[in-house]
Amino acid sequence: MTIDRITALHEAAHAVAAIRVGLVFDHVSAVPDLDLELDGELHWTDLHSSGAVEMSPESVAVVLLAGPVAEARALRRSVDYVFADDPAADDRESLASLALEEETFIAASRQALELVESEWSTIERVANALQNERKLAFEQVLDIVMECDSRGASNDLRS
């Protein structure tokens, strides 16, 4: 599996998870930014970034964890191995900044694992689109998710 494919799956999982937990983002990218040392990134809307719209730490944790979980699934490695690797450093840092209690972290981890498993076909479709387009707006990802839902390809895991 190529690095581009792994990056696309990782970022697609973040995007699908965000939609499933009810968060809106501006766009998701699988384009490397060498200056920022990023392989890809989910970009929150200005309202989220500024703090004008609050996101629950638990929901954000699910979104942050979904990327490494999807990457682990694709590579057939443990989530711990992937999460400890350099490419997951931004996800780890963002997760640490949430200062979650242990119970909340465990619940978010379980939800991310379940979400990636049940949404795998949707994540793959978003990853395919990301590999073709390199950047997708929220609406484009939402269209793919809704199309998969209408085909019965995934389950909604909103809590």
N, C-alpha and C. Protein backbone atom coordinates (compact mmCIF):
# COMPACT_ATOMS: atom_id res chain seq x y z
N MET A 1 0.86 -1.18 0.00
CA MET A 1 0.00 0.00 0.00
C MET A 1 0.91 1.23 0.00
N THR A 2 0.58 2.21 -0.83
CA THR A 2 1.42 3.40 -0.95
C THR A 2 1.16 4.40 0.18
N ILE A 3 2.14 5.27 0.39
CA ILE A 3 1.99 6.32 1.40
C ILE A 3 0.80 7.22 1.06
N ASP A 4 0.62 7.53 -0.23
CA ASP A 4 -0.53 8.35 -0.64
C ASP A 4 -1.84 7.70 -0.24
N ARG A 5 -1.94 6.39 -0.41
CA ARG A 5 -3.17 5.67 -0.07
C ARG A 5 -3.39 5.68 1.44
N ILE A 6 -2.34 5.46 2.21
CA ILE A 6 -2.44 5.47 3.67
C ILE A 6 -2.89 6.85 4.14
N THR A 7 -2.28 7.89 3.59
CA THR A 7 -2.65 9.27 3.96
C THR A 7 -4.11 9.53 3.61
N ALA A 8 -4.54 9.10 2.43
CA ALA A 8 -5.93 9.32 2.02
C ALA A 8 -6.90 8.60 2.95
N LEU A 9 -6.59 7.36 3.34
CA LEU A 9 -7.45 6.62 4.27
C LEU A 9 -7.49 7.29 5.64
N HIS A 10 -6.33 7.73 6.12
CA HIS A 10 -6.23 8.39 7.42
C HIS A 10 -7.10 9.65 7.44
N GLU A 11 -6.94 10.49 6.44
CA GLU A 11 -7.69 11.75 6.39
C GLU A 11 -9.17 11.50 6.12
N ALA A 12 -9.47 10.52 5.29
CA ALA A 12 -10.87 10.18 5.01
C ALA A 12 -11.57 9.73 6.30
N ALA A 13 -10.86 8.98 7.13
CA ALA A 13 -11.45 8.52 8.40
C ALA A 13 -11.75 9.71 9.31
N HIS A 14 -10.84 10.68 9.37
CA HIS A 14 -11.11 11.89 10.15
C HIS A 14 -12.40 12.56 9.64
N ALA A 15 -12.51 12.69 8.32
CA ALA A 15 -13.65 13.39 7.73
C ALA A 15 -14.97 12.65 7.96
N VAL A 16 -14.97 11.34 7.74
CA VAL A 16 -16.19 10.55 7.95
C VAL A 16 -16.58 10.58 9.42
N ALA A 17 -15.60 10.44 10.30
CA ALA A 17 -15.89 10.49 11.74
C ALA A 17 -16.49 11.83 12.13
N ALA A 18 -15.94 12.92 11.59
CA ALA A 18 -16.48 14.25 11.90
C ALA A 18 -17.96 14.33 11.52
N ILE A 19 -18.29 13.85 10.34
CA ILE A 19 -19.69 13.88 9.90
C ILE A 19 -20.55 13.01 10.82
N ARG A 20 -20.07 11.84 11.17
CA ARG A 20 -20.86 10.93 11.99
C ARG A 20 -21.09 11.43 13.40
N VAL A 21 -20.16 12.24 13.93
CA VAL A 21 -20.38 12.77 15.28
C VAL A 21 -21.02 14.16 15.25
N GLY A 22 -21.38 14.61 14.04
CA GLY A 22 -22.12 15.87 13.92
C GLY A 22 -21.27 17.12 13.86
N LEU A 23 -20.01 17.00 13.47
CA LEU A 23 -19.15 18.18 13.35
C LEU A 23 -18.99 18.57 11.89
N VAL A 24 -18.89 19.86 11.67
CA VAL A 24 -18.72 20.39 10.32
C VAL A 24 -17.27 20.87 10.18
N PHE A 25 -16.67 20.57 9.04
CA PHE A 25 -15.32 21.04 8.76
C PHE A 25 -15.34 21.79 7.44
N ASP A 26 -14.28 22.53 7.17
CA ASP A 26 -14.19 23.28 5.93
C ASP A 26 -13.81 22.34 4.78
N HIS A 27 -12.67 21.68 4.92
CA HIS A 27 -12.24 20.73 3.90
C HIS A 27 -11.24 19.74 4.50
N VAL A 28 -10.98 18.69 3.76
CA VAL A 28 -9.99 17.70 4.13
C VAL A 28 -9.03 17.57 2.96
N SER A 29 -7.76 17.43 3.29
CA SER A 29 -6.74 17.40 2.26
C SER A 29 -5.82 16.21 2.46
N ALA A 30 -5.40 15.62 1.36
CA ALA A 30 -4.39 14.56 1.38
C ALA A 30 -3.14 15.06 0.69
N VAL A 31 -2.99 16.38 0.62
CA VAL A 31 -1.83 16.99 -0.02
C VAL A 31 -0.78 17.26 1.05
N PRO A 32 0.42 16.72 0.88
CA PRO A 32 1.47 16.98 1.85
C PRO A 32 1.85 18.46 1.89
N ASP A 33 2.09 18.97 3.09
CA ASP A 33 2.59 20.33 3.28
C ASP A 33 3.94 20.17 3.98
N LEU A 34 5.00 20.21 3.19
CA LEU A 34 6.33 19.95 3.73
C LEU A 34 6.77 21.03 4.71
N ASP A 35 6.33 22.27 4.51
CA ASP A 35 6.68 23.35 5.43
C ASP A 35 6.11 23.09 6.82
N LEU A 36 4.89 22.60 6.88
CA LEU A 36 4.24 22.31 8.15
C LEU A 36 4.44 20.88 8.60
N GLU A 37 5.16 20.09 7.80
CA GLU A 37 5.41 18.69 8.08
C GLU A 37 4.11 17.90 8.26
N LEU A 38 3.17 18.14 7.34
CA LEU A 38 1.87 17.44 7.37
C LEU A 38 1.73 16.59 6.13
N ASP A 39 1.19 15.39 6.30
CA ASP A 39 0.89 14.54 5.15
C ASP A 39 -0.47 14.89 4.56
N GLY A 40 -1.36 15.38 5.38
CA GLY A 40 -2.71 15.78 5.01
C GLY A 40 -3.33 16.37 6.25
N GLU A 41 -4.56 16.89 6.10
CA GLU A 41 -5.15 17.51 7.28
C GLU A 41 -6.65 17.76 7.09
N LEU A 42 -7.36 17.64 8.19
CA LEU A 42 -8.76 18.04 8.25
C LEU A 42 -8.77 19.49 8.74
N HIS A 43 -9.35 20.38 7.96
CA HIS A 43 -9.38 21.80 8.30
C HIS A 43 -10.76 22.16 8.84
N TRP A 44 -10.79 22.59 10.10
CA TRP A 44 -12.06 23.01 10.71
C TRP A 44 -12.51 24.32 10.11
N THR A 45 -13.79 24.62 10.22
CA THR A 45 -14.31 25.91 9.76
C THR A 45 -13.74 27.02 10.64
N ASP A 46 -13.79 28.23 10.16
CA ASP A 46 -13.31 29.37 10.95
C ASP A 46 -14.08 29.49 12.26
N LEU A 47 -15.37 29.16 12.24
CA LEU A 47 -16.16 29.23 13.46
C LEU A 47 -15.65 28.26 14.51
N HIS A 48 -15.27 27.05 14.08
CA HIS A 48 -14.72 26.08 15.02
C HIS A 48 -13.34 26.51 15.48
N SER A 49 -12.51 26.91 14.54
CA SER A 49 -11.13 27.28 14.85
C SER A 49 -11.06 28.45 15.82
N SER A 50 -11.97 29.41 15.67
CA SER A 50 -11.96 30.60 16.53
C SER A 50 -12.55 30.32 17.90
N GLY A 51 -13.25 29.20 18.04
CA GLY A 51 -13.90 28.88 19.30
C GLY A 51 -15.31 29.43 19.39
N ALA A 52 -15.79 30.11 18.33
CA ALA A 52 -17.14 30.66 18.32
C ALA A 52 -18.19 29.55 18.37
N VAL A 53 -17.88 28.42 17.78
CA VAL A 53 -18.74 27.24 17.85
C VAL A 53 -17.98 26.18 18.62
N GLU A 54 -18.54 25.76 19.73
CA GLU A 54 -17.86 24.80 20.59
C GLU A 54 -18.06 23.38 20.08
N MET A 55 -16.99 22.62 20.15
CA MET A 55 -17.04 21.20 19.80
C MET A 55 -16.80 20.42 21.08
N SER A 56 -17.59 19.39 21.32
CA SER A 56 -17.39 18.61 22.54
C SER A 56 -16.05 17.88 22.45
N PRO A 57 -15.29 17.88 23.54
CA PRO A 57 -14.00 17.18 23.53
C PRO A 57 -14.13 15.70 23.15
N GLU A 58 -15.23 15.08 23.55
CA GLU A 58 -15.44 13.67 23.24
C GLU A 58 -15.59 13.47 21.73
N SER A 59 -16.34 14.34 21.08
CA SER A 59 -16.52 14.23 19.63
C SER A 59 -15.21 14.48 18.90
N VAL A 60 -14.48 15.48 19.33
CA VAL A 60 -13.18 15.78 18.72
C VAL A 60 -12.24 14.59 18.89
N ALA A 61 -12.27 13.96 20.06
CA ALA A 61 -11.41 12.81 20.31
C ALA A 61 -11.72 11.67 19.34
N VAL A 62 -12.99 11.41 19.09
CA VAL A 62 -13.37 10.36 18.14
C VAL A 62 -12.80 10.69 16.76
N VAL A 63 -12.92 11.94 16.35
CA VAL A 63 -12.41 12.36 15.04
C VAL A 63 -10.89 12.19 14.99
N LEU A 64 -10.19 12.63 16.04
CA LEU A 64 -8.74 12.52 16.06
C LEU A 64 -8.27 11.07 16.05
N LEU A 65 -8.97 10.21 16.76
CA LEU A 65 -8.58 8.80 16.85
C LEU A 65 -8.91 8.01 15.59
N ALA A 66 -9.91 8.44 14.85
CA ALA A 66 -10.34 7.69 13.67
C ALA A 66 -9.24 7.58 12.62
N GLY A 67 -8.44 8.61 12.44
CA GLY A 67 -7.36 8.56 11.43
C GLY A 67 -6.36 7.46 11.72
N PRO A 68 -5.74 7.46 12.91
CA PRO A 68 -4.79 6.38 13.22
C PRO A 68 -5.44 4.99 13.25
N VAL A 69 -6.70 4.92 13.66
CA VAL A 69 -7.39 3.62 13.67
C VAL A 69 -7.53 3.10 12.24
N ALA A 70 -7.91 3.97 11.32
CA ALA A 70 -8.05 3.56 9.92
C ALA A 70 -6.69 3.18 9.33
N GLU A 71 -5.68 3.95 9.67
CA GLU A 71 -4.33 3.64 9.18
C GLU A 71 -3.88 2.28 9.69
N ALA A 72 -4.13 2.00 10.96
CA ALA A 72 -3.77 0.70 11.55
C ALA A 72 -4.51 -0.43 10.83
N ARG A 73 -5.78 -0.21 10.54
CA ARG A 73 -6.57 -1.24 9.86
C ARG A 73 -5.98 -1.51 8.47
N ALA A 74 -5.66 -0.44 7.75
CA ALA A 74 -5.12 -0.59 6.40
C ALA A 74 -3.76 -1.27 6.40
N LEU A 75 -2.92 -0.95 7.38
CA LEU A 75 -1.57 -1.51 7.45
C LEU A 75 -1.52 -2.86 8.17
N ARG A 76 -2.66 -3.23 8.78
CA ARG A 76 -2.74 -4.47 9.57
C ARG A 76 -1.72 -4.44 10.71
N ARG A 77 -1.72 -3.29 11.38
CA ARG A 77 -0.84 -3.08 12.53
C ARG A 77 -1.72 -2.72 13.72
N SER A 78 -1.14 -2.71 14.89
CA SER A 78 -1.90 -2.31 16.07
C SER A 78 -2.10 -0.79 16.06
N VAL A 79 -3.18 -0.34 16.64
CA VAL A 79 -3.45 1.09 16.72
C VAL A 79 -2.35 1.75 17.55
N ASP A 80 -1.90 1.09 18.61
CA ASP A 80 -0.82 1.63 19.45
C ASP A 80 0.42 1.91 18.62
N TYR A 81 0.78 0.98 17.74
CA TYR A 81 1.97 1.13 16.90
C TYR A 81 1.82 2.36 15.99
N VAL A 82 0.68 2.48 15.34
CA VAL A 82 0.45 3.60 14.42
C VAL A 82 0.36 4.92 15.19
N PHE A 83 -0.32 4.90 16.31
CA PHE A 83 -0.52 6.13 17.08
C PHE A 83 0.80 6.64 17.66
N ALA A 84 1.75 5.75 17.91
CA ALA A 84 3.04 6.14 18.47
C ALA A 84 4.02 6.62 17.39
N ASP A 85 3.70 6.39 16.12
CA ASP A 85 4.59 6.74 15.02
C ASP A 85 4.58 8.24 14.75
N ASP A 86 5.62 8.76 14.11
CA ASP A 86 5.76 10.19 13.83
C ASP A 86 4.58 10.81 13.08
N PRO A 87 4.02 10.15 12.05
CA PRO A 87 2.91 10.78 11.33
C PRO A 87 1.69 11.08 12.20
N ALA A 88 1.54 10.40 13.32
CA ALA A 88 0.39 10.63 14.20
C ALA A 88 0.68 11.67 15.28
N ALA A 89 1.84 12.31 15.21
CA ALA A 89 2.23 13.27 16.26
C ALA A 89 1.21 14.40 16.42
N ASP A 90 0.71 14.93 15.32
CA ASP A 90 -0.29 16.02 15.42
C ASP A 90 -1.58 15.53 16.06
N ASP A 91 -2.00 14.32 15.71
CA ASP A 91 -3.20 13.75 16.33
C ASP A 91 -2.98 13.55 17.82
N ARG A 92 -1.81 13.03 18.20
CA ARG A 92 -1.49 12.83 19.63
C ARG A 92 -1.49 14.15 20.38
N GLU A 93 -0.85 15.15 19.79
CA GLU A 93 -0.77 16.47 20.44
C GLU A 93 -2.15 17.08 20.61
N SER A 94 -2.97 17.01 19.57
CA SER A 94 -4.33 17.55 19.65
C SER A 94 -5.16 16.80 20.68
N LEU A 95 -5.01 15.50 20.71
CA LEU A 95 -5.74 14.68 21.68
C LEU A 95 -5.30 15.02 23.10
N ALA A 96 -4.02 15.18 23.31
CA ALA A 96 -3.51 15.52 24.65
C ALA A 96 -4.05 16.87 25.10
N SER A 97 -4.21 17.80 24.17
CA SER A 97 -4.69 19.14 24.53
C SER A 97 -6.15 19.11 25.01
N LEU A 98 -6.86 18.03 24.71
CA LEU A 98 -8.25 17.91 25.17
C LEU A 98 -8.33 17.58 26.66
N ALA A 99 -7.24 17.06 27.22
CA ALA A 99 -7.17 16.72 28.64
C ALA A 99 -8.37 15.88 29.09
N LEU A 100 -8.62 14.80 28.36
CA LEU A 100 -9.75 13.93 28.67
C LEU A 100 -9.47 13.07 29.90
N GLU A 101 -10.53 12.80 30.63
CA GLU A 101 -10.42 11.83 31.71
C GLU A 101 -10.29 10.44 31.08
N GLU A 102 -9.74 9.52 31.84
CA GLU A 102 -9.47 8.18 31.31
C GLU A 102 -10.73 7.51 30.76
N GLU A 103 -11.83 7.60 31.48
CA GLU A 103 -13.09 6.98 31.01
C GLU A 103 -13.55 7.56 29.68
N THR A 104 -13.43 8.86 29.55
CA THR A 104 -13.85 9.53 28.31
C THR A 104 -12.94 9.13 27.16
N PHE A 105 -11.64 9.04 27.42
CA PHE A 105 -10.69 8.62 26.39
C PHE A 105 -11.00 7.19 25.93
N ILE A 106 -11.26 6.32 26.87
CA ILE A 106 -11.57 4.92 26.54
C ILE A 106 -12.86 4.84 25.73
N ALA A 107 -13.87 5.60 26.12
CA ALA A 107 -15.14 5.60 25.38
C ALA A 107 -14.93 6.13 23.96
N ALA A 108 -14.16 7.20 23.82
CA ALA A 108 -13.88 7.76 22.49
C ALA A 108 -13.09 6.77 21.64
N SER A 109 -12.16 6.07 22.26
CA SER A 109 -11.36 5.07 21.54
C SER A 109 -12.25 3.95 21.02
N ARG A 110 -13.14 3.48 21.87
CA ARG A 110 -14.07 2.41 21.44
C ARG A 110 -14.96 2.89 20.30
N GLN A 111 -15.47 4.12 20.43
CA GLN A 111 -16.33 4.65 19.39
C GLN A 111 -15.57 4.80 18.07
N ALA A 112 -14.32 5.26 18.14
CA ALA A 112 -13.52 5.39 16.92
C ALA A 112 -13.27 4.03 16.28
N LEU A 113 -12.97 3.02 17.08
CA LEU A 113 -12.75 1.68 16.55
C LEU A 113 -14.02 1.14 15.87
N GLU A 114 -15.15 1.30 16.53
CA GLU A 114 -16.42 0.83 15.97
C GLU A 114 -16.78 1.61 14.70
N LEU A 115 -16.56 2.91 14.73
CA LEU A 115 -16.90 3.75 13.60
C LEU A 115 -16.07 3.36 12.37
N VAL A 116 -14.77 3.22 12.55
CA VAL A 116 -13.91 2.86 11.41
C VAL A 116 -14.31 1.49 10.85
N GLU A 117 -14.60 0.56 11.71
CA GLU A 117 -14.99 -0.77 11.24
C GLU A 117 -16.30 -0.72 10.47
N SER A 118 -17.30 -0.07 11.03
CA SER A 118 -18.61 -0.04 10.37
C SER A 118 -18.64 0.88 9.15
N GLU A 119 -17.76 1.84 9.11
CA GLU A 119 -17.74 2.82 8.01
C GLU A 119 -16.63 2.56 7.00
N TRP A 120 -15.99 1.40 7.05
CA TRP A 120 -14.82 1.18 6.23
C TRP A 120 -15.08 1.40 4.74
N SER A 121 -16.18 0.91 4.23
CA SER A 121 -16.44 1.10 2.78
C SER A 121 -16.63 2.58 2.45
N THR A 122 -17.24 3.33 3.35
CA THR A 122 -17.41 4.77 3.14
C THR A 122 -16.05 5.47 3.21
N ILE A 123 -15.24 5.10 4.17
CA ILE A 123 -13.89 5.67 4.29
C ILE A 123 -13.09 5.40 3.02
N GLU A 124 -13.18 4.19 2.49
CA GLU A 124 -12.47 3.87 1.25
C GLU A 124 -12.95 4.73 0.08
N ARG A 125 -14.25 4.97 0.01
CA ARG A 125 -14.78 5.81 -1.09
C ARG A 125 -14.30 7.24 -0.96
N VAL A 126 -14.30 7.78 0.27
CA VAL A 126 -13.79 9.14 0.48
C VAL A 126 -12.29 9.17 0.16
N ALA A 127 -11.57 8.15 0.57
CA ALA A 127 -10.13 8.08 0.27
C ALA A 127 -9.88 8.05 -1.23
N ASN A 128 -10.70 7.30 -1.97
CA ASN A 128 -10.56 7.27 -3.43
C ASN A 128 -10.75 8.67 -4.01
N ALA A 129 -11.77 9.36 -3.54
CA ALA A 129 -12.03 10.73 -4.01
C ALA A 129 -10.88 11.65 -3.63
N LEU A 130 -10.34 11.48 -2.43
CA LEU A 130 -9.21 12.31 -2.00
C LEU A 130 -7.98 12.05 -2.86
N GLN A 131 -7.75 10.82 -3.23
CA GLN A 131 -6.61 10.53 -4.09
C GLN A 131 -6.78 11.16 -5.46
N ASN A 132 -8.01 11.24 -5.94
CA ASN A 132 -8.26 11.86 -7.23
C ASN A 132 -8.24 13.38 -7.17
N GLU A 133 -8.87 13.93 -6.14
CA GLU A 133 -9.04 15.38 -6.03
C GLU A 133 -7.98 16.05 -5.16
N ARG A 134 -7.39 15.29 -4.22
CA ARG A 134 -6.39 15.76 -3.26
C ARG A 134 -6.96 16.66 -2.16
N LYS A 135 -8.15 17.23 -2.40
CA LYS A 135 -8.79 18.10 -1.41
C LYS A 135 -10.29 18.03 -1.65
N LEU A 136 -11.06 17.83 -0.56
CA LEU A 136 -12.51 17.74 -0.68
C LEU A 136 -13.15 18.70 0.32
N ALA A 137 -14.14 19.43 -0.14
CA ALA A 137 -14.92 20.28 0.76
C ALA A 137 -15.86 19.41 1.58
N PHE A 138 -16.31 19.94 2.71
CA PHE A 138 -17.26 19.23 3.57
C PHE A 138 -18.42 18.68 2.76
N GLU A 139 -19.00 19.50 1.90
CA GLU A 139 -20.17 19.10 1.12
C GLU A 139 -19.87 17.91 0.21
N GLN A 140 -18.66 17.84 -0.33
CA GLN A 140 -18.29 16.72 -1.19
C GLN A 140 -18.21 15.42 -0.37
N VAL A 141 -17.63 15.51 0.81
CA VAL A 141 -17.55 14.33 1.67
C VAL A 141 -18.95 13.92 2.12
N LEU A 142 -19.76 14.90 2.50
CA LEU A 142 -21.13 14.61 2.92
C LEU A 142 -21.91 13.91 1.81
N ASP A 143 -21.73 14.35 0.57
CA ASP A 143 -22.40 13.70 -0.57
C ASP A 143 -22.00 12.22 -0.67
N ILE A 144 -20.73 11.93 -0.50
CA ILE A 144 -20.26 10.54 -0.57
C ILE A 144 -20.86 9.73 0.57
N VAL A 145 -20.86 10.30 1.78
CA VAL A 145 -21.42 9.61 2.94
C VAL A 145 -22.90 9.33 2.72
N MET A 146 -23.64 10.33 2.24
CA MET A 146 -25.08 10.15 2.01
C MET A 146 -25.34 9.13 0.91
N GLU A 147 -24.51 9.11 -0.12
CA GLU A 147 -24.66 8.12 -1.18
C GLU A 147 -24.42 6.71 -0.62
N CYS A 148 -23.40 6.57 0.21
CA CYS A 148 -23.14 5.27 0.83
C CYS A 148 -24.30 4.86 1.74
N ASP A 149 -24.84 5.82 2.49
CA ASP A 149 -25.98 5.53 3.36
C ASP A 149 -27.18 5.07 2.54
N SER A 150 -27.41 5.71 1.42
CA SER A 150 -28.58 5.35 0.61
C SER A 150 -28.41 3.96 0.00
N ARG A 151 -27.17 3.53 -0.15
CA ARG A 151 -26.90 2.18 -0.66
C ARG A 151 -26.81 1.16 0.46
N GLY A 152 -26.92 1.64 1.70
CA GLY A 152 -26.84 0.74 2.84
C GLY A 152 -25.42 0.28 3.14
N ALA A 153 -24.42 1.07 2.70
CA ALA A 153 -23.03 0.66 2.86
C ALA A 153 -22.47 0.92 4.25
N SER A 154 -23.18 1.72 5.07
CA SER A 154 -22.65 2.00 6.40
C SER A 154 -23.79 2.33 7.35
N ASN A 155 -23.46 2.35 8.63
CA ASN A 155 -24.44 2.66 9.67
C ASN A 155 -24.08 3.98 10.32
N ASP A 156 -25.08 4.72 10.71
CA ASP A 156 -24.87 5.98 11.42
C ASP A 156 -24.62 5.66 12.88
N LEU A 157 -23.49 6.13 13.42
CA LEU A 157 -23.11 5.83 14.80
C LEU A 157 -23.24 7.05 15.71
N ARG A 158 -24.05 8.01 15.37
CA ARG A 158 -24.18 9.18 16.22
C ARG A 158 -24.69 8.76 17.59
N SER A 159 -24.13 9.41 18.59
CA SER A 159 -24.57 9.07 19.94
C SER A 159 -25.32 10.19 20.57
